[in-house]
């Protein structure tokens, strides 16, 4: 498939043609690939379809609404206001959330749909959404982005890429301690075709969009290979990794980003809102276009990344701009950051991540930014394949739409008929009566969490204080109800319901395997975490064992192998 940048979509025509060409190439190739068959696209639908029957539940359809959304999308924090500060969530979970998103959704649309640039943009009808919008992923938490038909293999192992050596070219940078050569994604060779030049050969090229997500994908490839090295064959390793990935989502990621009580109730009850047994199986638009985009607000402006890029005297942290531009997908492997004039062919060794800076393993670590109605400035400077900023530096409408992630999010929600935050909160009040309290934010609540005067003006001009775009409402609710430390009641309910629901239909679902418990080495007996996965992958140092106590580890033991589908 063509390489895909953040916020972009594929047309249905492109995705179908790409799969046909890819199938022919793989059949003719002498290289082994994961080949589960050409997966058909799946559906999107509404979590609250009843809200579509009354226009009062939607944003007002008008040119004025569209223009007010452009103003609301100027979500850069006001330099005169204090920074909201950090949450207690380790920064790795921002990018794990992005990894999960790429695993379950790939929006593909008909080429006949209107462009967001259209000044007269109006919402689609439900019939148009149903017929012209599809999901290019399986829509279940089964590591579709890792075990894709495009992922190259060597025997039972997933292919890895090797990092480029600095040699003696740099005295400023060095390879982080205890890191081997196999810390990059497998890549195409250098070539003149921009869309193929050093492109990652992985199940979803979007996972090469920034350094942290790219290195996380490397960790999953390495974890699979570690399971094979421990005695599992391909199917057994895939099943083990899929199930432990689901465990991370349910027991580690979700309780951090959402209200832990809501997460626990959703798992225990089997879900109260999302019907995962519905036919055809659908990923809800309220989730993928609004609620699950909360992670955009968690992105930090810079990170202590490794021994070379850290906030210590004489050094500097890695900026968000560098994080996005020093990859083959959204930038290049040079020049800059110690690269020779013609750049590197693969990830240079001094940019191997040190995960100790991103997870809570006892030393100071990066935390996510608190969730609020602001995004870091670099997310208003989205980039093209050559690393250039999509915007021309002006404030024109076209420049905003091309380069501003917030504006894209808001206009896409308007185009796809998302109900307002207040309408969704009211619907949840009715559905969850007697189960939990779902407060509805007041006009004052909404205005109080606005970051600047321009945002407040847009809220008033668009009548958004009482009919708030759902994505903005989710962010405002997190700031108002949870101090930005995790999602509020509406956001927590939608995200928990859908992610728990997406585990259940998986062929290897741990929620449908009675008595399932983690079997891979872990720090806690009943819980497998992202930190545990990184240790299995060999990219994070083993946990220290107190004196006089030996840590007992189990060998990988496949469960329910029959359920695995290669």
Protein backbone atom coordinates (compact mmCIF):
# COMPACT_ATOMS: atom_id res chain seq x y z
CA UNK A 1 0.00 0.00 0.00
CA UNK A 2 1.12 3.62 -0.34
CA UNK A 3 2.78 5.13 2.68
CA UNK A 4 0.28 6.96 4.84
CA UNK A 5 0.88 10.01 6.99
CA UNK A 6 -0.83 10.99 10.24
CA UNK A 7 -4.44 12.04 9.73
CA UNK A 8 -4.56 10.87 6.12
CA UNK A 9 -6.92 8.25 4.71
CA UNK A 10 -6.84 5.77 1.87
CA UNK A 11 -9.58 5.59 -0.69
CA UNK A 12 -11.40 2.29 -1.07
CA UNK A 13 -10.18 2.21 -4.64
CA UNK A 14 -6.56 2.57 -3.50
CA UNK A 15 -6.80 -0.08 -0.81
CA UNK A 16 -8.42 -2.63 -3.12
CA UNK A 17 -5.89 -2.03 -5.89
CA UNK A 18 -2.96 -2.16 -3.45
CA UNK A 19 -4.09 -5.50 -2.04
CA UNK A 20 -4.44 -7.03 -5.48
CA UNK A 21 -0.96 -5.85 -6.50
CA UNK A 22 0.53 -6.95 -3.18
CA UNK A 23 -1.01 -10.41 -3.45
CA UNK A 24 0.53 -10.87 -6.90
CA UNK A 25 3.92 -9.65 -5.66
CA UNK A 26 3.93 -11.96 -2.64
CA UNK A 27 2.99 -14.99 -4.71
CA UNK A 28 5.89 -14.26 -7.07
CA UNK A 29 8.32 -13.39 -4.26
CA UNK A 30 10.90 -15.78 -2.85
CA UNK A 31 10.65 -14.05 0.53
CA UNK A 32 8.39 -15.53 3.20
CA UNK A 33 5.62 -13.26 4.46
CA UNK A 34 2.87 -13.56 7.02
CA UNK A 35 -0.03 -14.45 4.72
CA UNK A 36 -3.38 -14.81 6.50
CA UNK A 37 -5.28 -14.03 3.30
CA UNK A 38 -6.59 -10.81 1.89
CA UNK A 39 -8.64 -9.47 4.78
CA UNK A 40 -11.84 -7.78 3.71
CA UNK A 41 -12.58 -4.29 4.93
CA UNK A 42 -14.96 -4.02 7.89
CA UNK A 43 -17.71 -1.56 8.79
CA UNK A 44 -18.02 1.57 10.86
CA UNK A 45 -21.30 2.49 12.52
CA UNK A 46 -22.65 4.57 15.39
CA UNK A 47 -22.53 3.58 19.05
CA UNK A 48 -25.63 5.72 19.61
CA UNK A 49 -27.66 5.33 16.39
CA UNK A 50 -30.79 6.66 18.09
CA UNK A 51 -29.19 10.10 18.29
CA UNK A 52 -29.12 10.35 14.49
CA UNK A 53 -32.91 10.72 14.30
CA UNK A 54 -32.99 14.20 15.84
CA UNK A 55 -30.91 17.07 14.40
CA UNK A 56 -30.80 18.66 17.86
CA UNK A 57 -28.30 15.93 18.84
CA UNK A 58 -25.89 16.97 16.08
CA UNK A 59 -23.90 20.08 15.29
CA UNK A 60 -25.98 22.62 13.44
CA UNK A 61 -25.55 22.15 9.68
CA UNK A 62 -24.35 25.50 8.35
CA UNK A 63 -21.39 27.34 6.89
CA UNK A 64 -21.14 29.21 10.19
CA UNK A 65 -20.61 25.92 12.05
CA UNK A 66 -17.88 24.88 9.67
CA UNK A 67 -16.11 28.23 10.07
CA UNK A 68 -16.45 28.17 13.86
CA UNK A 69 -14.81 24.73 13.91
CA UNK A 70 -11.76 26.25 12.23
CA UNK A 71 -11.53 28.72 15.11
CA UNK A 72 -12.10 26.06 17.75
CA UNK A 73 -9.30 24.02 16.19
CA UNK A 74 -6.71 26.61 17.14
CA UNK A 75 -5.88 24.57 20.23
CA UNK A 76 -2.31 25.68 20.80
CA UNK A 77 -1.76 26.43 24.50
CA UNK A 78 -1.61 30.14 25.31
CA UNK A 79 2.00 31.02 26.26
CA UNK A 80 0.64 33.39 28.92
CA UNK A 81 -1.24 30.59 30.70
CA UNK A 82 0.54 28.12 32.98
CA UNK A 83 1.31 24.73 31.49
CA UNK A 84 -1.24 22.11 32.61
CA UNK A 85 1.65 19.98 33.81
CA UNK A 86 2.24 16.27 33.61
CA UNK A 87 -0.13 13.46 34.42
CA UNK A 88 1.10 10.43 36.32
CA UNK A 89 0.93 8.28 33.16
CA UNK A 90 4.31 7.18 31.74
CA UNK A 91 4.85 8.64 28.27
CA UNK A 92 5.11 5.22 26.61
CA UNK A 93 1.34 4.89 26.88
CA UNK A 94 0.78 7.85 24.55
CA UNK A 95 2.47 5.88 21.79
CA UNK A 96 1.12 2.51 22.85
CA UNK A 97 -2.32 4.10 22.40
CA UNK A 98 -1.31 5.12 18.88
CA UNK A 99 -0.05 1.59 18.21
CA UNK A 100 -3.44 0.21 19.31
CA UNK A 101 -5.24 2.70 17.08
CA UNK A 102 -3.25 1.57 14.04
CA UNK A 103 -4.01 -2.04 14.96
CA UNK A 104 -7.79 -1.61 14.89
CA UNK A 105 -8.56 1.22 12.45
CA UNK A 106 -7.45 2.32 9.00
CA UNK A 107 -10.04 4.67 7.60
CA UNK A 108 -10.64 4.05 3.91
CA UNK A 109 -13.20 6.09 2.05
CA UNK A 110 -14.72 6.33 -1.37
CA UNK A 111 -12.92 8.74 -3.68
CA UNK A 112 -16.29 10.40 -4.29
CA UNK A 113 -16.59 11.75 -0.74
CA UNK A 114 -16.19 15.53 -0.26
CA UNK A 115 -12.82 16.87 0.83
CA UNK A 116 -12.39 18.56 4.19
CA UNK A 117 -11.06 21.57 2.26
CA UNK A 118 -14.54 22.22 0.84
CA UNK A 119 -15.78 25.57 2.15
CA UNK A 120 -19.35 24.32 1.88
CA UNK A 121 -18.65 21.09 3.77
CA UNK A 122 -21.83 19.49 5.10
CA UNK A 123 -22.43 16.28 7.03
CA UNK A 124 -22.87 13.05 5.10
CA UNK A 125 -26.10 11.10 5.29
CA UNK A 126 -26.14 7.84 7.24
CA UNK A 127 -26.54 5.98 3.96
CA UNK A 128 -23.41 7.61 2.51
CA UNK A 129 -21.41 6.81 5.63
CA UNK A 130 -22.51 3.18 5.53
CA UNK A 131 -21.72 2.74 1.84
CA UNK A 132 -18.59 4.85 1.39
CA UNK A 133 -16.59 4.54 4.61
CA UNK A 134 -14.80 1.33 5.53
CA UNK A 135 -12.21 0.12 8.03
CA UNK A 136 -9.09 -1.38 6.48
CA UNK A 137 -8.31 -3.33 9.66
CA UNK A 138 -9.94 -6.42 11.17
CA UNK A 139 -11.35 -4.26 13.96
CA UNK A 140 -10.34 -6.62 16.76
CA UNK A 141 -7.29 -6.55 19.02
CA UNK A 142 -5.31 -9.26 17.24
CA UNK A 143 -2.08 -7.43 16.24
CA UNK A 144 -3.33 -7.01 12.69
CA UNK A 145 -0.68 -4.31 12.21
CA UNK A 146 2.12 -6.74 13.14
CA UNK A 147 0.90 -10.03 11.66
CA UNK A 148 -0.15 -8.49 8.37
CA UNK A 149 0.34 -10.09 4.98
CA UNK A 150 3.05 -7.48 4.36
CA UNK A 151 5.25 -8.49 7.32
CA UNK A 152 8.39 -10.35 6.17
CA UNK A 153 9.51 -13.53 7.96
CA UNK A 154 12.61 -15.68 8.21
CA UNK A 155 11.39 -19.15 9.07
CA UNK A 156 9.24 -18.75 12.19
CA UNK A 157 10.88 -15.42 13.01
CA UNK A 158 9.70 -11.94 12.15
CA UNK A 159 12.31 -10.05 10.15
CA UNK A 160 14.05 -7.16 11.90
CA UNK A 161 16.15 -4.34 10.54
CA UNK A 162 19.66 -3.42 11.61
CA UNK A 163 20.73 0.00 12.80
CA UNK A 164 23.36 2.06 11.02
CA UNK A 165 26.71 2.45 12.72
CA UNK A 166 28.08 5.92 13.41
CA UNK A 167 31.60 4.61 13.09
CA UNK A 168 34.06 7.30 14.04
CA UNK A 169 31.99 10.03 12.41
CA UNK A 170 30.61 11.41 15.65
CA UNK A 171 32.21 12.10 19.00
CA UNK A 172 29.00 13.72 20.27
CA UNK A 173 26.75 10.65 20.06
CA UNK A 174 27.11 6.95 20.79
CA UNK A 175 25.05 3.77 20.84
CA UNK A 176 23.08 3.47 24.11
CA UNK A 177 24.53 0.80 26.42
CA UNK A 178 23.55 -2.87 25.97
CA UNK A 179 21.80 -2.32 22.62
CA UNK A 180 22.38 -4.75 19.75
CA UNK A 181 22.19 -4.19 15.99
CA UNK A 182 18.59 -5.43 15.60
CA UNK A 183 16.75 -2.34 16.71
CA UNK A 184 15.21 -1.06 13.51
CA UNK A 185 12.28 -2.06 11.32
CA UNK A 186 13.00 -3.99 8.12
CA UNK A 187 13.24 -1.44 5.30
CA UNK A 188 13.24 -1.00 1.58
CA UNK A 189 16.59 0.09 0.14
CA UNK A 190 17.37 3.70 -0.61
CA UNK A 191 15.78 4.78 -3.90
CA UNK A 192 14.56 7.85 -5.79
CA UNK A 193 10.86 7.02 -5.36
CA UNK A 194 9.92 9.05 -2.30
CA UNK A 195 7.04 6.77 -1.29
CA UNK A 196 9.41 3.74 -1.22
CA UNK A 197 12.72 5.27 -0.11
CA UNK A 198 13.75 3.36 3.03
CA UNK A 199 10.08 2.65 3.77
CA UNK A 200 9.39 0.22 6.61
CA UNK A 201 8.30 -3.25 5.47
CA UNK A 202 5.75 -3.79 8.21
CA UNK A 203 2.04 -4.41 8.52
CA UNK A 204 1.19 -0.73 8.96
CA UNK A 205 3.62 1.92 7.72
CA UNK A 206 2.01 4.46 10.06
CA UNK A 207 3.97 2.77 12.85
CA UNK A 208 7.08 4.36 11.34
CA UNK A 209 5.60 7.83 11.75
CA UNK A 210 7.61 8.76 14.85
CA UNK A 211 10.56 7.25 16.67
CA UNK A 212 8.72 6.00 19.75
CA UNK A 213 5.96 4.17 17.85
CA UNK A 214 8.57 2.79 15.44
CA UNK A 215 10.66 1.46 18.32
CA UNK A 216 7.52 0.00 19.92
CA UNK A 217 6.79 -1.94 16.73
CA UNK A 218 10.38 -3.20 16.86
CA UNK A 219 9.70 -4.40 20.41
CA UNK A 220 6.70 -6.46 19.26
CA UNK A 221 8.74 -8.05 16.48
CA UNK A 222 11.50 -8.87 18.95
CA UNK A 223 9.02 -10.24 21.50
CA UNK A 224 7.67 -12.65 18.87
CA UNK A 225 11.21 -13.77 18.07
CA UNK A 226 12.03 -14.22 21.77
CA UNK A 227 9.05 -16.58 22.08
CA UNK A 228 10.29 -18.59 19.09
CA UNK A 229 13.78 -18.70 20.62
CA UNK A 230 12.18 -20.10 23.79
CA UNK A 231 10.70 -23.03 21.85
CA UNK A 232 7.44 -21.80 20.31
CA UNK A 233 6.70 -22.18 16.62
CA UNK A 234 5.22 -19.30 14.63
CA UNK A 235 1.57 -20.01 15.46
CA UNK A 236 2.29 -20.54 19.14
CA UNK A 237 4.36 -17.35 19.39
CA UNK A 238 1.69 -15.35 17.55
CA UNK A 239 -1.04 -16.64 19.84
CA UNK A 240 0.96 -15.92 23.00
CA UNK A 241 1.85 -12.42 21.87
CA UNK A 242 -1.71 -11.60 20.80
CA UNK A 243 -3.15 -12.72 24.12
CA UNK A 244 -0.58 -10.91 26.24
CA UNK A 245 -1.09 -7.79 24.11
CA UNK A 246 -4.80 -7.97 24.93
CA UNK A 247 -3.87 -8.30 28.60
CA UNK A 248 -1.78 -5.12 28.38
CA UNK A 249 -4.73 -3.23 26.86
CA UNK A 250 -7.23 -4.47 29.47
CA UNK A 251 -5.25 -4.47 32.70
CA UNK A 252 -2.46 -1.93 32.12
CA UNK A 253 -3.30 0.66 29.44
CA UNK A 254 -7.03 1.13 30.06
CA UNK A 255 -6.84 1.59 33.87
CA UNK A 256 -4.23 4.30 33.34
CA UNK A 257 -5.99 6.39 30.68
CA UNK A 258 -9.60 5.85 31.83
CA UNK A 259 -11.40 5.76 35.16
CA UNK A 260 -10.25 2.44 36.72
CA UNK A 261 -13.68 1.78 38.28
CA UNK A 262 -15.39 2.17 34.90
CA UNK A 263 -12.84 -0.15 33.30
CA UNK A 264 -13.32 -2.80 36.00
CA UNK A 265 -17.12 -2.63 35.71
CA UNK A 266 -16.97 -2.88 31.91
CA UNK A 267 -14.83 -6.02 32.03
CA UNK A 268 -16.88 -7.60 34.82
CA UNK A 269 -20.26 -6.83 33.23
CA UNK A 270 -19.26 -7.87 29.73
CA UNK A 271 -20.04 -4.36 28.51
CA UNK A 272 -23.25 -2.36 28.78
CA UNK A 273 -23.14 -0.14 25.68
CA UNK A 274 -21.14 -1.64 22.82
CA UNK A 275 -22.74 -4.66 21.12
CA UNK A 276 -19.74 -6.65 19.94
CA UNK A 277 -22.03 -9.46 18.77
CA UNK A 278 -23.76 -7.22 16.22
CA UNK A 279 -23.75 -8.33 12.59
CA UNK A 280 -22.09 -6.89 10.62
CA UNK A 281 -19.35 -6.22 13.15
CA UNK A 282 -18.59 -2.48 13.39
CA UNK A 283 -16.13 -0.14 15.06
CA UNK A 284 -18.11 2.84 16.43
CA UNK A 285 -17.47 6.24 14.87
CA UNK A 286 -17.94 8.00 18.22
CA UNK A 287 -14.90 6.00 19.37
CA UNK A 288 -12.55 6.21 16.40
CA UNK A 289 -13.32 9.78 15.26
CA UNK A 290 -13.67 11.37 18.72
CA UNK A 291 -13.18 9.57 22.04
CA UNK A 292 -10.04 7.62 21.17
CA UNK A 293 -8.31 10.73 19.86
CA UNK A 294 -7.73 11.89 23.44
CA UNK A 295 -4.10 10.81 23.07
CA UNK A 296 -3.37 13.81 20.86
CA UNK A 297 -3.58 15.98 23.97
CA UNK A 298 -1.11 13.76 25.87
CA UNK A 299 1.83 14.38 23.52
CA UNK A 300 4.74 16.23 25.14
CA UNK A 301 6.89 18.93 23.47
CA UNK A 302 10.11 17.00 24.22
CA UNK A 303 11.35 13.76 25.78
CA UNK A 304 14.35 12.45 27.64
CA UNK A 305 14.90 9.80 24.98
CA UNK A 306 18.22 8.09 25.63
CA UNK A 307 21.75 8.77 26.81
CA UNK A 308 22.31 11.11 23.84
CA UNK A 309 19.12 13.14 24.14
CA UNK A 310 18.34 13.96 27.74
CA UNK A 311 17.76 16.99 29.97
CA UNK A 312 21.17 16.94 31.62
CA UNK A 313 23.91 19.57 31.59
CA UNK A 314 25.55 19.79 28.18
CA UNK A 315 22.78 17.82 26.44
CA UNK A 316 19.22 18.40 25.26
CA UNK A 317 16.04 16.35 25.22
CA UNK A 318 14.65 15.11 21.91
CA UNK A 319 12.03 17.52 20.64
CA UNK A 320 8.68 16.42 19.26
CA UNK A 321 9.76 17.82 15.89
CA UNK A 322 12.84 15.58 15.89
CA UNK A 323 10.74 12.63 17.05
CA UNK A 324 8.55 12.97 13.96
CA UNK A 325 11.10 14.06 11.36
CA UNK A 326 13.92 11.59 12.01
CA UNK A 327 12.01 8.64 10.56
CA UNK A 328 11.68 7.41 7.00
CA UNK A 329 7.90 7.94 6.94
CA UNK A 330 7.49 11.53 8.08
CA UNK A 331 11.06 12.76 7.50
CA UNK A 332 14.35 11.09 6.70
CA UNK A 333 17.40 9.52 8.33
CA UNK A 334 19.36 12.70 7.89
CA UNK A 335 20.84 15.16 7.63
CA UNK A 336 20.92 16.41 11.19
CA UNK A 337 21.31 14.72 14.58
CA UNK A 338 24.79 13.51 13.70
CA UNK A 339 23.95 12.20 10.22
CA UNK A 340 26.38 12.38 7.28
CA UNK A 341 25.37 14.75 4.45
CA UNK A 342 23.52 12.01 2.54
CA UNK A 343 21.85 10.60 5.66
CA UNK A 344 21.67 6.99 6.85
CA UNK A 345 20.14 3.96 5.15
CA UNK A 346 18.53 2.75 8.38
CA UNK A 347 17.94 4.11 11.87
CA UNK A 348 21.29 5.29 13.25
CA UNK A 349 22.44 3.55 16.40
CA UNK A 350 22.43 6.69 18.54
CA UNK A 351 18.63 6.92 18.13
CA UNK A 352 17.81 3.55 19.66
CA UNK A 353 15.31 4.28 22.41
CA UNK A 354 16.03 3.65 26.09
CA UNK A 355 12.64 2.59 27.40
CA UNK A 356 13.72 3.30 30.97
CA UNK A 357 12.84 6.93 30.18
CA UNK A 358 9.30 6.03 29.09
CA UNK A 359 7.96 3.49 31.61
CA UNK A 360 7.81 3.54 35.40
CA UNK A 361 10.73 1.34 36.37
CA UNK A 362 11.99 3.30 39.37
CA UNK A 363 14.00 6.14 37.84
CA UNK A 364 12.72 9.54 36.66
CA UNK A 365 10.69 9.02 33.50
CA UNK A 366 8.74 11.09 31.00
CA UNK A 367 5.07 11.45 31.84
CA UNK A 368 2.33 12.36 29.42
CA UNK A 369 0.97 15.85 29.22
CA UNK A 370 -2.33 16.21 31.09
CA UNK A 371 -5.43 15.78 28.94
CA UNK A 372 -7.04 19.14 28.22
CA UNK A 373 -8.32 21.18 25.28
CA UNK A 374 -4.83 21.93 23.96
CA UNK A 375 -2.32 20.21 21.70
CA UNK A 376 1.41 20.80 21.43
CA UNK A 377 2.45 23.19 18.66
CA UNK A 378 4.20 20.54 16.55
CA UNK A 379 0.81 18.87 15.98
CA UNK A 380 -0.17 21.99 14.04
CA UNK A 381 2.78 21.37 11.71
CA UNK A 382 2.04 17.96 10.19
CA UNK A 383 4.57 16.91 7.58
CA UNK A 384 4.73 15.50 4.07
CA UNK A 385 6.72 12.41 3.03
CA UNK A 386 9.83 14.51 2.50
CA UNK A 387 9.59 15.96 6.02
CA UNK A 388 8.40 19.38 4.90
CA UNK A 389 5.59 21.04 6.83
CA UNK A 390 2.27 20.73 5.01
CA UNK A 391 1.28 24.29 5.92
CA UNK A 392 2.86 27.14 4.01
CA UNK A 393 3.17 29.15 7.22
CA UNK A 394 0.08 31.24 6.56
CA UNK A 395 -3.21 31.26 8.42
CA UNK A 396 -5.23 30.42 5.33
CA UNK A 397 -8.00 27.88 5.62
CA UNK A 398 -6.20 25.47 3.32
CA UNK A 399 -2.99 25.72 5.35
CA UNK A 400 -4.89 25.01 8.58
CA UNK A 401 -6.60 21.99 7.09
CA UNK A 402 -3.43 20.57 5.65
CA UNK A 403 -1.24 20.91 8.71
CA UNK A 404 -3.46 21.27 11.78
CA UNK A 405 -4.40 17.98 13.40
CA UNK A 406 -7.06 19.57 15.64
CA UNK A 407 -8.88 21.17 12.71
CA UNK A 408 -8.87 17.86 10.85
CA UNK A 409 -10.30 16.07 13.87
CA UNK A 410 -13.12 18.59 14.32
CA UNK A 411 -14.10 18.77 10.66
CA UNK A 412 -14.04 15.00 10.25
CA UNK A 413 -16.40 14.69 13.21
CA UNK A 414 -18.74 17.23 11.61
CA UNK A 415 -18.59 15.47 8.22
CA UNK A 416 -19.37 12.08 9.79
CA UNK A 417 -22.41 13.25 11.77
CA UNK A 418 -20.98 12.71 15.24
CA UNK A 419 -23.48 13.57 17.97
CA UNK A 420 -22.59 16.34 20.38
CA UNK A 421 -20.93 15.64 23.69
CA UNK A 422 -24.05 16.68 25.57
CA UNK A 423 -26.25 14.35 23.50
CA UNK A 424 -23.92 11.41 24.17
CA UNK A 425 -23.77 12.20 27.89
CA UNK A 426 -27.58 12.32 28.03
CA UNK A 427 -27.83 9.00 26.16
CA UNK A 428 -25.39 7.43 28.62
CA UNK A 429 -27.39 8.77 31.55
CA UNK A 430 -30.40 6.86 30.25
CA UNK A 431 -28.57 3.65 29.40
CA UNK A 432 -26.58 3.55 32.65
CA UNK A 433 -29.28 4.73 35.04
CA UNK A 434 -28.67 3.00 38.37
CA UNK A 435 -25.19 1.89 37.31
CA UNK A 436 -23.08 5.08 37.42
CA UNK A 437 -23.37 8.84 37.40
CA UNK A 438 -22.79 10.58 34.08
CA UNK A 439 -22.77 14.35 34.65
CA UNK A 440 -23.37 16.70 31.72
CA UNK A 441 -20.93 19.59 31.45
CA UNK A 442 -22.55 23.01 31.73
CA UNK A 443 -21.80 26.00 29.51
CA UNK A 444 -19.65 27.39 32.33
CA UNK A 445 -17.77 24.10 32.64
CA UNK A 446 -16.97 24.13 28.91
CA UNK A 447 -15.84 27.76 28.88
CA UNK A 448 -13.74 27.34 32.02
CA UNK A 449 -11.50 24.72 30.40
CA UNK A 450 -10.99 26.72 27.19
CA UNK A 451 -7.33 27.63 26.84
CA UNK A 452 -7.55 31.09 25.31
CA UNK A 453 -9.82 33.91 24.23
CA UNK A 454 -10.01 32.69 20.63
CA UNK A 455 -11.19 29.27 21.77
CA UNK A 456 -13.86 30.81 23.99
CA UNK A 457 -15.05 33.03 21.14
CA UNK A 458 -15.32 30.03 18.80
CA UNK A 459 -17.30 28.11 21.42
CA UNK A 460 -19.79 30.95 21.64
CA UNK A 461 -19.97 31.76 17.92
CA UNK A 462 -20.53 28.12 16.97
CA UNK A 463 -23.07 27.59 19.76
CA UNK A 464 -20.69 24.89 20.97
CA UNK A 465 -21.19 25.58 24.67
CA UNK A 466 -24.45 23.60 24.52
CA UNK A 467 -23.75 21.54 21.40
CA UNK A 468 -20.08 20.72 21.81
CA UNK A 469 -18.17 18.67 19.21
CA UNK A 470 -17.71 15.24 20.79
CA UNK A 471 -13.90 15.16 20.56
CA UNK A 472 -13.59 18.57 22.21
CA UNK A 473 -16.16 17.56 24.84
CA UNK A 474 -14.15 14.43 25.73
CA UNK A 475 -11.03 16.56 26.26
CA UNK A 476 -12.95 19.20 28.24
CA UNK A 477 -14.53 16.52 30.43
CA UNK A 478 -11.14 14.98 31.22
CA UNK A 479 -9.82 18.37 32.29
CA UNK A 480 -12.93 19.27 34.31
CA UNK A 481 -13.78 15.94 35.94
CA UNK A 482 -10.38 14.25 36.29
CA UNK A 483 -7.93 17.12 36.39
CA UNK A 484 -6.48 15.92 33.11
CA UNK A 485 -5.02 12.82 34.73
CA UNK A 486 -7.29 10.45 32.79
CA UNK A 487 -10.56 10.49 30.86
CA UNK A 488 -13.81 11.59 32.46
CA UNK A 489 -17.04 9.56 32.72
CA UNK A 490 -18.18 9.84 29.07
CA UNK A 491 -14.71 9.37 27.61
CA UNK A 492 -13.88 6.50 29.99
CA UNK A 493 -17.15 4.71 29.21
CA UNK A 494 -16.79 4.91 25.42
CA UNK A 495 -13.10 3.97 25.34
CA UNK A 496 -13.48 1.12 27.86
CA UNK A 497 -16.65 -0.27 26.26
CA UNK A 498 -15.14 -0.36 22.79
CA UNK A 499 -11.66 -1.66 23.63
CA UNK A 500 -13.08 -4.37 25.89
CA UNK A 501 -15.62 -5.13 23.18
CA UNK A 502 -12.90 -5.37 20.53
CA UNK A 503 -11.10 -8.06 22.54
CA UNK A 504 -14.17 -10.31 22.71
CA UNK A 505 -14.63 -11.14 18.98
CA UNK A 506 -10.95 -11.95 18.48
CA UNK A 507 -10.32 -15.60 17.64
CA UNK A 508 -7.80 -15.69 20.49
CA UNK A 509 -9.76 -13.54 22.96
CA UNK A 510 -8.57 -13.86 26.55
CA UNK A 511 -12.06 -12.79 27.69
CA UNK A 512 -13.56 -15.88 26.07
CA UNK A 513 -10.89 -18.27 27.36
CA UNK A 514 -12.09 -19.42 30.81
CA UNK A 515 -9.44 -19.02 33.46
CA UNK A 516 -6.89 -17.38 31.16
CA UNK A 517 -3.97 -15.81 32.97
CA UNK A 518 -0.58 -14.53 31.81
CA UNK A 519 2.12 -17.14 31.32
CA UNK A 520 5.04 -14.96 30.20
CA UNK A 521 7.57 -13.58 32.72
CA UNK A 522 6.10 -10.62 34.57
CA UNK A 523 6.56 -8.47 37.65
CA UNK A 524 3.07 -9.14 39.06
CA UNK A 525 1.46 -12.56 39.27
CA UNK A 526 -1.96 -11.64 37.84
CA UNK A 527 -1.08 -8.78 35.50
CA UNK A 528 1.03 -8.48 32.36
CA UNK A 529 2.12 -4.93 31.53
CA UNK A 530 3.79 -3.03 28.74
CA UNK A 531 6.95 -3.01 30.85
CA UNK A 532 6.82 -6.82 30.98
CA UNK A 533 6.46 -6.96 27.18
CA UNK A 534 9.49 -4.73 26.72
CA UNK A 535 11.49 -7.03 28.97
CA UNK A 536 10.37 -10.11 27.03
CA UNK A 537 11.53 -8.32 23.89
CA UNK A 538 14.95 -7.68 25.42
CA UNK A 539 14.74 -3.91 24.97
CA UNK A 540 14.38 -3.12 28.69
CA UNK A 541 16.69 -4.36 31.41
CA UNK A 542 15.28 -7.15 33.63
CA UNK A 543 13.79 -6.05 36.94
CA UNK A 544 16.15 -6.12 39.87
CA UNK A 545 15.61 -9.11 42.17
CA UNK A 546 15.96 -8.42 45.92
CA UNK A 547 18.87 -10.17 47.61
CA UNK A 548 18.02 -13.66 48.80
CA UNK A 549 15.12 -13.99 46.36
CA UNK A 550 15.30 -15.72 42.98
CA UNK A 551 12.80 -14.73 40.36
CA UNK A 552 11.03 -17.75 38.89
CA UNK A 553 10.11 -17.46 35.22
CA UNK A 554 7.95 -19.71 33.14
CA UNK A 555 8.68 -20.85 29.63
CA UNK A 556 6.17 -19.75 27.00
CA UNK A 557 3.16 -22.05 27.11
CA UNK A 558 0.68 -21.73 24.24
CA UNK A 559 -3.01 -21.82 25.10
CA UNK A 560 -5.94 -22.48 22.80
CA UNK A 561 -3.68 -22.98 19.82
CA UNK A 562 -6.63 -24.09 17.72
CA UNK A 563 -8.04 -20.57 17.94
CA UNK A 564 -5.01 -19.05 16.26
CA UNK A 565 -5.39 -18.02 12.63
CA UNK A 566 -2.25 -17.43 10.67
